[in-house]
Amino acid sequence: MIEKKFLRSGNSWCIIIPSSVIKILGVNPEEDTVQLFLENDKIIIKPVKSEDD
């Protein structure tokens, strides 16, 4: 388990995601898009599949 604190960014809040988690997700944070879901008080981050996949 990884514990993180929220950071302020303008009127929004951010959480820094470690590169190890980005690697597990298999996304390129500079190019790929993800979807965020709220499910049972949890934030779910899911990569958006491109039409090429």
N, C-alpha and C. Protein backbone atom coordinates (compact mmCIF):
# COMPACT_ATOMS: atom_id res chain seq x y z
N MET A 1 0.83 -1.17 0.00
CA MET A 1 0.00 0.00 0.00
C MET A 1 0.89 1.25 0.00
N ILE A 2 0.46 2.23 -0.76
CA ILE A 2 1.18 3.50 -0.85
C ILE A 2 0.26 4.58 -0.29
N GLU A 3 0.75 5.36 0.65
CA GLU A 3 -0.04 6.47 1.19
C GLU A 3 0.47 7.76 0.59
N LYS A 4 -0.46 8.60 0.15
CA LYS A 4 -0.11 9.88 -0.47
C LYS A 4 -0.97 10.98 0.11
N LYS A 5 -0.46 12.19 0.11
CA LYS A 5 -1.23 13.36 0.50
C LYS A 5 -1.66 14.09 -0.77
N PHE A 6 -2.79 14.79 -0.68
CA PHE A 6 -3.24 15.60 -1.80
C PHE A 6 -2.42 16.88 -1.88
N LEU A 7 -2.23 17.37 -3.09
CA LEU A 7 -1.54 18.62 -3.36
C LEU A 7 -2.50 19.56 -4.09
N ARG A 8 -2.41 20.84 -3.81
CA ARG A 8 -3.26 21.83 -4.48
C ARG A 8 -2.66 22.19 -5.84
N SER A 9 -3.53 22.27 -6.86
CA SER A 9 -3.14 22.72 -8.19
C SER A 9 -4.26 23.62 -8.70
N GLY A 10 -4.12 24.94 -8.53
CA GLY A 10 -5.20 25.85 -8.90
C GLY A 10 -6.42 25.59 -8.03
N ASN A 11 -7.57 25.35 -8.68
CA ASN A 11 -8.80 25.03 -7.95
C ASN A 11 -9.01 23.53 -7.80
N SER A 12 -8.03 22.74 -8.20
CA SER A 12 -8.15 21.28 -8.17
C SER A 12 -7.18 20.70 -7.15
N TRP A 13 -7.28 19.40 -6.97
CA TRP A 13 -6.38 18.65 -6.09
C TRP A 13 -5.69 17.56 -6.89
N CYS A 14 -4.45 17.26 -6.53
CA CYS A 14 -3.65 16.27 -7.25
C CYS A 14 -3.08 15.23 -6.29
N ILE A 15 -2.80 14.08 -6.85
CA ILE A 15 -2.04 13.05 -6.15
C ILE A 15 -0.91 12.65 -7.10
N ILE A 16 0.31 12.66 -6.63
CA ILE A 16 1.44 12.23 -7.46
C ILE A 16 1.42 10.71 -7.51
N ILE A 17 1.40 10.18 -8.73
CA ILE A 17 1.36 8.72 -8.92
C ILE A 17 2.79 8.25 -9.19
N PRO A 18 3.30 7.34 -8.38
CA PRO A 18 4.67 6.85 -8.58
C PRO A 18 4.85 6.18 -9.95
N SER A 19 6.05 6.31 -10.47
CA SER A 19 6.33 5.72 -11.79
C SER A 19 6.12 4.21 -11.80
N SER A 20 6.30 3.55 -10.65
CA SER A 20 6.07 2.10 -10.60
C SER A 20 4.61 1.77 -10.86
N VAL A 21 3.69 2.61 -10.39
CA VAL A 21 2.26 2.39 -10.63
C VAL A 21 1.93 2.68 -12.10
N ILE A 22 2.52 3.72 -12.65
CA ILE A 22 2.32 4.05 -14.07
C ILE A 22 2.78 2.88 -14.94
N LYS A 23 3.90 2.28 -14.57
CA LYS A 23 4.43 1.13 -15.32
C LYS A 23 3.47 -0.05 -15.26
N ILE A 24 2.91 -0.32 -14.07
CA ILE A 24 1.97 -1.42 -13.91
C ILE A 24 0.72 -1.18 -14.75
N LEU A 25 0.26 0.09 -14.80
CA LEU A 25 -0.90 0.42 -15.63
C LEU A 25 -0.61 0.27 -17.12
N GLY A 26 0.66 0.36 -17.48
CA GLY A 26 1.03 0.23 -18.89
C GLY A 26 0.65 1.45 -19.71
N VAL A 27 0.73 2.63 -19.09
CA VAL A 27 0.38 3.85 -19.81
C VAL A 27 1.60 4.75 -19.95
N ASN A 28 1.56 5.58 -20.97
CA ASN A 28 2.55 6.62 -21.17
C ASN A 28 1.89 7.92 -20.72
N PRO A 29 2.26 8.47 -19.57
CA PRO A 29 1.57 9.65 -19.05
C PRO A 29 1.69 10.89 -19.92
N GLU A 30 2.63 10.91 -20.84
CA GLU A 30 2.78 12.06 -21.74
C GLU A 30 1.87 11.96 -22.95
N GLU A 31 1.35 10.76 -23.25
CA GLU A 31 0.55 10.58 -24.47
C GLU A 31 -0.82 9.93 -24.24
N ASP A 32 -0.91 9.02 -23.28
CA ASP A 32 -2.13 8.23 -23.11
C ASP A 32 -3.17 8.96 -22.26
N THR A 33 -4.40 8.50 -22.38
CA THR A 33 -5.53 9.02 -21.61
C THR A 33 -6.03 7.93 -20.69
N VAL A 34 -6.49 8.33 -19.51
CA VAL A 34 -7.08 7.39 -18.57
C VAL A 34 -8.48 7.85 -18.21
N GLN A 35 -9.28 6.91 -17.72
CA GLN A 35 -10.62 7.22 -17.20
C GLN A 35 -10.58 7.10 -15.69
N LEU A 36 -11.31 7.99 -15.02
CA LEU A 36 -11.43 7.93 -13.56
C LEU A 36 -12.86 7.53 -13.22
N PHE A 37 -13.01 6.57 -12.32
CA PHE A 37 -14.31 6.12 -11.85
C PHE A 37 -14.32 6.21 -10.33
N LEU A 38 -15.46 6.50 -9.77
CA LEU A 38 -15.66 6.39 -8.34
C LEU A 38 -16.51 5.16 -8.11
N GLU A 39 -16.00 4.24 -7.29
CA GLU A 39 -16.68 2.98 -7.06
C GLU A 39 -16.52 2.58 -5.60
N ASN A 40 -17.61 2.55 -4.85
CA ASN A 40 -17.57 2.19 -3.43
C ASN A 40 -16.51 2.98 -2.66
N ASP A 41 -16.54 4.29 -2.81
CA ASP A 41 -15.61 5.19 -2.12
C ASP A 41 -14.15 4.98 -2.53
N LYS A 42 -13.92 4.47 -3.72
CA LYS A 42 -12.57 4.28 -4.24
C LYS A 42 -12.46 4.99 -5.58
N ILE A 43 -11.27 5.51 -5.87
CA ILE A 43 -10.98 6.09 -7.18
C ILE A 43 -10.33 5.00 -8.02
N ILE A 44 -10.94 4.68 -9.15
CA ILE A 44 -10.42 3.67 -10.07
C ILE A 44 -9.84 4.40 -11.28
N ILE A 45 -8.60 4.09 -11.63
CA ILE A 45 -7.94 4.67 -12.81
C ILE A 45 -7.77 3.56 -13.83
N LYS A 46 -8.34 3.78 -15.01
CA LYS A 46 -8.31 2.74 -16.05
C LYS A 46 -7.81 3.35 -17.36
N PRO A 47 -6.80 2.71 -17.99
CA PRO A 47 -6.33 3.22 -19.28
C PRO A 47 -7.43 3.16 -20.34
N VAL A 48 -7.46 4.16 -21.21
CA VAL A 48 -8.38 4.16 -22.34
C VAL A 48 -7.69 3.40 -23.47
N LYS A 49 -8.35 2.39 -23.97
CA LYS A 49 -7.79 1.60 -25.07
C LYS A 49 -7.92 2.37 -26.39
N SER A 50 -6.85 2.42 -27.14
CA SER A 50 -6.91 3.07 -28.44
C SER A 50 -7.52 2.12 -29.46
N GLU A 51 -7.95 2.66 -30.56
CA GLU A 51 -8.58 1.83 -31.60
C GLU A 51 -7.57 0.90 -32.26
N ASP A 52 -6.28 1.18 -32.09
CA ASP A 52 -5.23 0.34 -32.67
C ASP A 52 -5.04 -0.95 -31.90
N ASP A 53 -5.47 -0.99 -30.61
CA ASP A 53 -5.29 -2.19 -29.77
C ASP A 53 -6.27 -3.28 -30.11
